[in-house]
Amino acid sequence: MYANKVWELVEALKGTKTIGCKWVHKRKRKAYGKVETFKAKLVVKDYSQKPGFNYEETFSLITMLKSIRILLSIVAHLDYEM
């Protein structure tokens, strides 16, 4: 992950507490049982959040197709270079 520059480690700000996370692994199998692919994703342990803390911002790793279409239509309408 570090070699591919997917993320970088940063120091937490003083006086803040980080929210935990865990890896979720999944095996996708073919009809006859052989493993076709392995998938892994890092998820936040949101159950450890407390009301009033860390609720100001939310982030999604997946962009909705509708959002991409809206963005592209704005770019086309304003004749921006891509």
PDB file of N, CA and C in Angstrom:
ATOM      1  N   MET A   1       0.815  -1.180   0.000  1.00  0.00           N
ATOM      2  CA  MET A   1       0.000   0.000   0.000  1.00  0.00           C
ATOM      3  C   MET A   1       0.869   1.259   0.000  1.00  0.00           C
ATOM      4  N   TYR A   2       1.920   1.257   0.787  1.00  0.00           N
ATOM      5  CA  TYR A   2       2.797   2.421   0.801  1.00  0.00           C
ATOM      6  C   TYR A   2       3.546   2.544  -0.523  1.00  0.00           C
ATOM      7  N   ALA A   3       4.009   1.409  -1.074  1.00  0.00           N
ATOM      8  CA  ALA A   3       4.760   1.430  -2.331  1.00  0.00           C
ATOM      9  C   ALA A   3       3.907   1.942  -3.483  1.00  0.00           C
ATOM     10  N   ASN A   4       2.628   1.637  -3.472  1.00  0.00           N
ATOM     11  CA  ASN A   4       1.723   2.095  -4.534  1.00  0.00           C
ATOM     12  C   ASN A   4       1.186   3.497  -4.273  1.00  0.00           C
ATOM     13  N   LYS A   5       1.614   4.103  -3.183  1.00  0.00           N
ATOM     14  CA  LYS A   5       1.187   5.451  -2.797  1.00  0.00           C
ATOM     15  C   LYS A   5      -0.335   5.557  -2.704  1.00  0.00           C
ATOM     16  N   VAL A   6      -0.950   4.507  -2.148  1.00  0.00           N
ATOM     17  CA  VAL A   6      -2.396   4.504  -1.960  1.00  0.00           C
ATOM     18  C   VAL A   6      -2.760   5.408  -0.780  1.00  0.00           C
ATOM     19  N   TRP A   7      -1.925   5.411   0.232  1.00  0.00           N
ATOM     20  CA  TRP A   7      -2.148   6.294   1.363  1.00  0.00           C
ATOM     21  C   TRP A   7      -0.822   6.646   1.989  1.00  0.00           C
ATOM     22  N   GLU A   8      -0.862   7.605   2.881  1.00  0.00           N
ATOM     23  CA  GLU A   8       0.334   7.970   3.625  1.00  0.00           C
ATOM     24  C   GLU A   8      -0.030   8.098   5.104  1.00  0.00           C
ATOM     25  N   LEU A   9       0.896   7.758   5.948  1.00  0.00           N
ATOM     26  CA  LEU A   9       0.687   7.813   7.386  1.00  0.00           C
ATOM     27  C   LEU A   9       0.920   9.238   7.868  1.00  0.00           C
ATOM     28  N   VAL A  10      -0.018   9.776   8.618  1.00  0.00           N
ATOM     29  CA  VAL A  10       0.115  11.123   9.168  1.00  0.00           C
ATOM     30  C   VAL A  10      -0.113  11.066  10.671  1.00  0.00           C
ATOM     31  N   GLU A  11       0.437  12.028  11.359  1.00  0.00           N
ATOM     32  CA  GLU A  11       0.274  12.111  12.810  1.00  0.00           C
ATOM     33  C   GLU A  11      -1.113  12.659  13.142  1.00  0.00           C
ATOM     34  N   ALA A  12      -1.717  12.126  14.185  1.00  0.00           N
ATOM     35  CA  ALA A  12      -3.008  12.648  14.655  1.00  0.00           C
ATOM     36  C   ALA A  12      -2.778  13.979  15.363  1.00  0.00           C
ATOM     37  N   LEU A  13      -3.741  14.867  15.259  1.00  0.00           N
ATOM     38  CA  LEU A  13      -3.637  16.155  15.931  1.00  0.00           C
ATOM     39  C   LEU A  13      -3.693  15.954  17.440  1.00  0.00           C
ATOM     40  N   LYS A  14      -3.011  16.826  18.164  1.00  0.00           N
ATOM     41  CA  LYS A  14      -3.031  16.731  19.627  1.00  0.00           C
ATOM     42  C   LYS A  14      -4.443  16.943  20.135  1.00  0.00           C
ATOM     43  N   GLY A  15      -4.837  16.150  21.102  1.00  0.00           N
ATOM     44  CA  GLY A  15      -6.154  16.273  21.701  1.00  0.00           C
ATOM     45  C   GLY A  15      -7.262  15.572  20.928  1.00  0.00           C
ATOM     46  N   THR A  16      -6.910  14.854  19.860  1.00  0.00           N
ATOM     47  CA  THR A  16      -7.935  14.137  19.092  1.00  0.00           C
ATOM     48  C   THR A  16      -7.771  12.638  19.288  1.00  0.00           C
ATOM     49  N   LYS A  17      -8.853  11.941  19.101  1.00  0.00           N
ATOM     50  CA  LYS A  17      -8.830  10.489  19.193  1.00  0.00           C
ATOM     51  C   LYS A  17      -9.256   9.936  17.837  1.00  0.00           C
ATOM     52  N   THR A  18      -8.507   9.009  17.314  1.00  0.00           N
ATOM     53  CA  THR A  18      -8.837   8.452  16.005  1.00  0.00           C
ATOM     54  C   THR A  18      -9.925   7.391  16.132  1.00  0.00           C
ATOM     55  N   ILE A  19     -10.640   7.183  15.037  1.00  0.00           N
ATOM     56  CA  ILE A  19     -11.672   6.151  14.985  1.00  0.00           C
ATOM     57  C   ILE A  19     -11.012   4.891  14.450  1.00  0.00           C
ATOM     58  N   GLY A  20     -11.282   3.768  15.063  1.00  0.00           N
ATOM     59  CA  GLY A  20     -10.677   2.511  14.642  1.00  0.00           C
ATOM     60  C   GLY A  20     -11.173   2.044  13.280  1.00  0.00           C
ATOM     61  N   CYS A  21     -10.459   1.106  12.712  1.00  0.00           N
ATOM     62  CA  CYS A  21     -10.859   0.530  11.431  1.00  0.00           C
ATOM     63  C   CYS A  21     -10.462  -0.944  11.417  1.00  0.00           C
ATOM     64  N   LYS A  22     -10.995  -1.671  10.445  1.00  0.00           N
ATOM     65  CA  LYS A  22     -10.632  -3.079  10.308  1.00  0.00           C
ATOM     66  C   LYS A  22     -10.723  -3.477   8.843  1.00  0.00           C
ATOM     67  N   TRP A  23     -10.008  -4.520   8.489  1.00  0.00           N
ATOM     68  CA  TRP A  23     -10.046  -5.061   7.131  1.00  0.00           C
ATOM     69  C   TRP A  23     -11.161  -6.095   7.030  1.00  0.00           C
ATOM     70  N   VAL A  24     -11.918  -6.030   5.947  1.00  0.00           N
ATOM     71  CA  VAL A  24     -12.953  -7.018   5.660  1.00  0.00           C
ATOM     72  C   VAL A  24     -12.522  -7.749   4.398  1.00  0.00           C
ATOM     73  N   HIS A  25     -12.411  -9.066   4.477  1.00  0.00           N
ATOM     74  CA  HIS A  25     -11.958  -9.888   3.350  1.00  0.00           C
ATOM     75  C   HIS A  25     -13.113 -10.711   2.809  1.00  0.00           C
ATOM     76  N   LYS A  26     -13.132 -10.869   1.494  1.00  0.00           N
ATOM     77  CA  LYS A  26     -14.195 -11.631   0.850  1.00  0.00           C
ATOM     78  C   LYS A  26     -13.593 -12.455  -0.283  1.00  0.00           C
ATOM     79  N   ARG A  27     -14.063 -13.688  -0.403  1.00  0.00           N
ATOM     80  CA  ARG A  27     -13.645 -14.560  -1.508  1.00  0.00           C
ATOM     81  C   ARG A  27     -14.824 -14.742  -2.445  1.00  0.00           C
ATOM     82  N   LYS A  28     -14.607 -14.480  -3.714  1.00  0.00           N
ATOM     83  CA  LYS A  28     -15.653 -14.708  -4.713  1.00  0.00           C
ATOM     84  C   LYS A  28     -15.347 -16.037  -5.385  1.00  0.00           C
ATOM     85  N   ARG A  29     -16.316 -16.936  -5.358  1.00  0.00           N
ATOM     86  CA  ARG A  29     -16.105 -18.276  -5.893  1.00  0.00           C
ATOM     87  C   ARG A  29     -16.883 -18.493  -7.180  1.00  0.00           C
ATOM     88  N   LYS A  30     -16.336 -19.348  -8.021  1.00  0.00           N
ATOM     89  CA  LYS A  30     -17.039 -19.765  -9.231  1.00  0.00           C
ATOM     90  C   LYS A  30     -18.098 -20.797  -8.844  1.00  0.00           C
ATOM     91  N   ALA A  31     -18.905 -21.196  -9.798  1.00  0.00           N
ATOM     92  CA  ALA A  31     -20.018 -22.116  -9.533  1.00  0.00           C
ATOM     93  C   ALA A  31     -19.553 -23.434  -8.922  1.00  0.00           C
ATOM     94  N   TYR A  32     -18.400 -23.924  -9.308  1.00  0.00           N
ATOM     95  CA  TYR A  32     -17.925 -25.217  -8.813  1.00  0.00           C
ATOM     96  C   TYR A  32     -17.023 -25.101  -7.586  1.00  0.00           C
ATOM     97  N   GLY A  33     -16.966 -23.925  -6.961  1.00  0.00           N
ATOM     98  CA  GLY A  33     -16.281 -23.778  -5.684  1.00  0.00           C
ATOM     99  C   GLY A  33     -14.883 -23.210  -5.722  1.00  0.00           C
ATOM    100  N   LYS A  34     -14.251 -23.129  -6.876  1.00  0.00           N
ATOM    101  CA  LYS A  34     -12.894 -22.589  -6.965  1.00  0.00           C
ATOM    102  C   LYS A  34     -12.934 -21.078  -6.721  1.00  0.00           C
ATOM    103  N   VAL A  35     -11.956 -20.584  -5.954  1.00  0.00           N
ATOM    104  CA  VAL A  35     -11.895 -19.155  -5.659  1.00  0.00           C
ATOM    105  C   VAL A  35     -11.490 -18.407  -6.924  1.00  0.00           C
ATOM    106  N   GLU A  36     -12.332 -17.450  -7.318  1.00  0.00           N
ATOM    107  CA  GLU A  36     -12.069 -16.665  -8.522  1.00  0.00           C
ATOM    108  C   GLU A  36     -11.267 -15.409  -8.193  1.00  0.00           C
ATOM    109  N   THR A  37     -11.714 -14.667  -7.194  1.00  0.00           N
ATOM    110  CA  THR A  37     -11.020 -13.443  -6.800  1.00  0.00           C
ATOM    111  C   THR A  37     -11.080 -13.267  -5.287  1.00  0.00           C
ATOM    112  N   PHE A  38     -10.127 -12.502  -4.798  1.00  0.00           N
ATOM    113  CA  PHE A  38     -10.110 -12.086  -3.404  1.00  0.00           C
ATOM    114  C   PHE A  38     -10.349 -10.585  -3.378  1.00  0.00           C
ATOM    115  N   LYS A  39     -11.173 -10.133  -2.454  1.00  0.00           N
ATOM    116  CA  LYS A  39     -11.426  -8.708  -2.309  1.00  0.00           C
ATOM    117  C   LYS A  39     -11.177  -8.327  -0.857  1.00  0.00           C
ATOM    118  N   ALA A  40     -10.675  -7.119  -0.659  1.00  0.00           N
ATOM    119  CA  ALA A  40     -10.457  -6.615   0.693  1.00  0.00           C
ATOM    120  C   ALA A  40     -10.797  -5.137   0.713  1.00  0.00           C
ATOM    121  N   LYS A  41     -11.397  -4.703   1.810  1.00  0.00           N
ATOM    122  CA  LYS A  41     -11.652  -3.275   1.962  1.00  0.00           C
ATOM    123  C   LYS A  41     -11.442  -2.893   3.416  1.00  0.00           C
ATOM    124  N   LEU A  42     -11.040  -1.669   3.605  1.00  0.00           N
ATOM    125  CA  LEU A  42     -10.806  -1.128   4.935  1.00  0.00           C
ATOM    126  C   LEU A  42     -12.049  -0.348   5.341  1.00  0.00           C
ATOM    127  N   VAL A  43     -12.658  -0.733   6.457  1.00  0.00           N
ATOM    128  CA  VAL A  43     -13.885  -0.073   6.909  1.00  0.00           C
ATOM    129  C   VAL A  43     -13.665   0.545   8.285  1.00  0.00           C
ATOM    130  N   VAL A  44     -14.399   1.613   8.542  1.00  0.00           N
ATOM    131  CA  VAL A  44     -14.297   2.306   9.820  1.00  0.00           C
ATOM    132  C   VAL A  44     -15.233   1.646  10.830  1.00  0.00           C
ATOM    133  N   LYS A  45     -14.794   1.629  12.068  1.00  0.00           N
ATOM    134  CA  LYS A  45     -15.636   1.095  13.149  1.00  0.00           C
ATOM    135  C   LYS A  45     -16.497   2.247  13.666  1.00  0.00           C
ATOM    136  N   ASP A  46     -17.548   2.561  12.903  1.00  0.00           N
ATOM    137  CA  ASP A  46     -18.352   3.732  13.244  1.00  0.00           C
ATOM    138  C   ASP A  46     -19.128   3.578  14.542  1.00  0.00           C
ATOM    139  N   TYR A  47     -19.253   2.374  15.038  1.00  0.00           N
ATOM    140  CA  TYR A  47     -19.941   2.177  16.315  1.00  0.00           C
ATOM    141  C   TYR A  47     -19.154   2.759  17.475  1.00  0.00           C
ATOM    142  N   SER A  48     -17.882   3.090  17.242  1.00  0.00           N
ATOM    143  CA  SER A  48     -17.070   3.669  18.309  1.00  0.00           C
ATOM    144  C   SER A  48     -17.191   5.193  18.354  1.00  0.00           C
ATOM    145  N   GLN A  49     -17.938   5.780  17.409  1.00  0.00           N
ATOM    146  CA  GLN A  49     -18.133   7.225  17.418  1.00  0.00           C
ATOM    147  C   GLN A  49     -19.102   7.626  18.524  1.00  0.00           C
ATOM    148  N   LYS A  50     -18.927   8.838  19.002  1.00  0.00           N
ATOM    149  CA  LYS A  50     -19.816   9.374  20.025  1.00  0.00           C
ATOM    150  C   LYS A  50     -20.552  10.574  19.441  1.00  0.00           C
ATOM    151  N   PRO A  51     -21.840  10.725  19.742  1.00  0.00           N
ATOM    152  CA  PRO A  51     -22.596  11.868  19.219  1.00  0.00           C
ATOM    153  C   PRO A  51     -21.919  13.192  19.559  1.00  0.00           C
ATOM    154  N   GLY A  52     -21.805  14.055  18.554  1.00  0.00           N
ATOM    155  CA  GLY A  52     -21.175  15.356  18.745  1.00  0.00           C
ATOM    156  C   GLY A  52     -19.702  15.381  18.378  1.00  0.00           C
ATOM    157  N   PHE A  53     -19.088  14.219  18.173  1.00  0.00           N
ATOM    158  CA  PHE A  53     -17.682  14.145  17.802  1.00  0.00           C
ATOM    159  C   PHE A  53     -17.559  13.433  16.461  1.00  0.00           C
ATOM    160  N   ASN A  54     -16.702  13.936  15.602  1.00  0.00           N
ATOM    161  CA  ASN A  54     -16.412  13.316  14.304  1.00  0.00           C
ATOM    162  C   ASN A  54     -17.649  13.164  13.422  1.00  0.00           C
ATOM    163  N   TYR A  55     -18.623  14.009  13.596  1.00  0.00           N
ATOM    164  CA  TYR A  55     -19.823  13.930  12.771  1.00  0.00           C
ATOM    165  C   TYR A  55     -19.889  15.069  11.756  1.00  0.00           C
ATOM    166  N   GLU A  56     -18.913  15.946  11.736  1.00  0.00           N
ATOM    167  CA  GLU A  56     -18.958  17.102  10.855  1.00  0.00           C
ATOM    168  C   GLU A  56     -18.734  16.731   9.392  1.00  0.00           C
ATOM    169  N   GLU A  57     -17.889  15.757   9.133  1.00  0.00           N
ATOM    170  CA  GLU A  57     -17.540  15.408   7.762  1.00  0.00           C
ATOM    171  C   GLU A  57     -17.750  13.918   7.534  1.00  0.00           C
ATOM    172  N   THR A  58     -18.214  13.590   6.346  1.00  0.00           N
ATOM    173  CA  THR A  58     -18.321  12.192   5.951  1.00  0.00           C
ATOM    174  C   THR A  58     -17.637  12.016   4.613  1.00  0.00           C
ATOM    175  N   PHE A  59     -17.104  10.848   4.361  1.00  0.00           N
ATOM    176  CA  PHE A  59     -16.386  10.572   3.135  1.00  0.00           C
ATOM    177  C   PHE A  59     -16.880   9.260   2.553  1.00  0.00           C
ATOM    178  N   SER A  60     -16.964   9.214   1.251  1.00  0.00           N
ATOM    179  CA  SER A  60     -17.382   7.995   0.572  1.00  0.00           C
ATOM    180  C   SER A  60     -16.319   7.621  -0.441  1.00  0.00           C
ATOM    181  N   LEU A  61     -15.944   6.361  -0.460  1.00  0.00           N
ATOM    182  CA  LEU A  61     -14.951   5.903  -1.426  1.00  0.00           C
ATOM    183  C   LEU A  61     -15.553   5.689  -2.805  1.00  0.00           C
ATOM    184  N   ILE A  62     -16.847   5.601  -2.882  1.00  0.00           N
ATOM    185  CA  ILE A  62     -17.511   5.305  -4.145  1.00  0.00           C
ATOM    186  C   ILE A  62     -18.276   6.538  -4.605  1.00  0.00           C
ATOM    187  N   THR A  63     -18.005   6.954  -5.834  1.00  0.00           N
ATOM    188  CA  THR A  63     -18.715   8.080  -6.413  1.00  0.00           C
ATOM    189  C   THR A  63     -19.940   7.563  -7.139  1.00  0.00           C
ATOM    190  N   MET A  64     -21.053   8.212  -6.920  1.00  0.00           N
ATOM    191  CA  MET A  64     -22.274   7.798  -7.598  1.00  0.00           C
ATOM    192  C   MET A  64     -22.180   8.150  -9.081  1.00  0.00           C
ATOM    193  N   LEU A  65     -22.680   7.280  -9.922  1.00  0.00           N
ATOM    194  CA  LEU A  65     -22.685   7.509 -11.357  1.00  0.00           C
ATOM    195  C   LEU A  65     -23.420   8.800 -11.689  1.00  0.00           C
ATOM    196  N   LYS A  66     -24.469   9.087 -10.949  1.00  0.00           N
ATOM    197  CA  LYS A  66     -25.237  10.315 -11.161  1.00  0.00           C
ATOM    198  C   LYS A  66     -24.348  11.545 -10.962  1.00  0.00           C
ATOM    199  N   SER A  67     -23.471  11.524  -9.966  1.00  0.00           N
ATOM    200  CA  SER A  67     -22.568  12.645  -9.705  1.00  0.00           C
ATOM    201  C   SER A  67     -21.589  12.840 -10.849  1.00  0.00           C
ATOM    202  N   ILE A  68     -21.079  11.756 -11.397  1.00  0.00           N
ATOM    203  CA  ILE A  68     -20.143  11.843 -12.519  1.00  0.00           C
ATOM    204  C   ILE A  68     -20.845  12.431 -13.738  1.00  0.00           C
ATOM    205  N   ARG A  69     -22.061  12.000 -14.005  1.00  0.00           N
ATOM    206  CA  ARG A  69     -22.817  12.532 -15.147  1.00  0.00           C
ATOM    207  C   ARG A  69     -23.079  14.023 -14.987  1.00  0.00           C
ATOM    208  N   ILE A  70     -23.429  14.446 -13.797  1.00  0.00           N
ATOM    209  CA  ILE A  70     -23.669  15.871 -13.555  1.00  0.00           C
ATOM    210  C   ILE A  70     -22.395  16.665 -13.796  1.00  0.00           C
ATOM    211  N   LEU A  71     -21.286  16.193 -13.269  1.00  0.00           N
ATOM    212  CA  LEU A  71     -20.007  16.875 -13.452  1.00  0.00           C
ATOM    213  C   LEU A  71     -19.640  16.973 -14.928  1.00  0.00           C
ATOM    214  N   LEU A  72     -19.790  15.882 -15.668  1.00  0.00           N
ATOM    215  CA  LEU A  72     -19.457  15.895 -17.091  1.00  0.00           C
ATOM    216  C   LEU A  72     -20.379  16.814 -17.880  1.00  0.00           C
ATOM    217  N   SER A  73     -21.644  16.884 -17.505  1.00  0.00           N
ATOM    218  CA  SER A  73     -22.557  17.785 -18.216  1.00  0.00           C
ATOM    219  C   SER A  73     -22.205  19.247 -17.946  1.00  0.00           C
ATOM    220  N   ILE A  74     -21.767  19.569 -16.746  1.00  0.00           N
ATOM    221  CA  ILE A  74     -21.328  20.940 -16.441  1.00  0.00           C
ATOM    222  C   ILE A  74     -20.082  21.282 -17.242  1.00  0.00           C
ATOM    223  N   VAL A  75     -19.134  20.356 -17.294  1.00  0.00           N
ATOM    224  CA  VAL A  75     -17.904  20.561 -18.068  1.00  0.00           C
ATOM    225  C   VAL A  75     -18.235  20.792 -19.538  1.00  0.00           C
ATOM    226  N   ALA A  76     -19.143  19.992 -20.091  1.00  0.00           N
ATOM    227  CA  ALA A  76     -19.528  20.141 -21.498  1.00  0.00           C
ATOM    228  C   ALA A  76     -20.261  21.459 -21.728  1.00  0.00           C
ATOM    229  N   HIS A  77     -21.149  21.823 -20.819  1.00  0.00           N
ATOM    230  CA  HIS A  77     -21.923  23.061 -20.967  1.00  0.00           C
ATOM    231  C   HIS A  77     -21.020  24.294 -20.935  1.00  0.00           C
ATOM    232  N   LEU A  78     -20.046  24.290 -20.042  1.00  0.00           N
ATOM    233  CA  LEU A  78     -19.138  25.431 -19.910  1.00  0.00           C
ATOM    234  C   LEU A  78     -17.962  25.359 -20.874  1.00  0.00           C
ATOM    235  N   ASP A  79     -17.913  24.301 -21.677  1.00  0.00           N
ATOM    236  CA  ASP A  79     -16.873  24.110 -22.700  1.00  0.00           C
ATOM    237  C   ASP A  79     -15.464  24.106 -22.100  1.00  0.00           C
ATOM    238  N   TYR A  80     -15.322  23.449 -20.942  1.00  0.00           N
ATOM    239  CA  TYR A  80     -14.009  23.313 -20.311  1.00  0.00           C
ATOM    240  C   TYR A  80     -13.198  22.237 -21.015  1.00  0.00           C
ATOM    241  N   GLU A  81     -11.874  22.368 -20.937  1.00  0.00           N
ATOM    242  CA  GLU A  81     -10.974  21.343 -21.462  1.00  0.00           C
ATOM    243  C   GLU A  81     -10.832  20.245 -20.422  1.00  0.00           C
ATOM    244  N   MET A  82     -10.773  19.005 -20.877  1.00  0.00           N
ATOM    245  CA  MET A  82     -10.608  17.900 -19.939  1.00  0.00           C
ATOM    246  C   MET A  82      -9.214  17.337 -20.035  1.00  0.00           C
TER     247      MET A  82
END
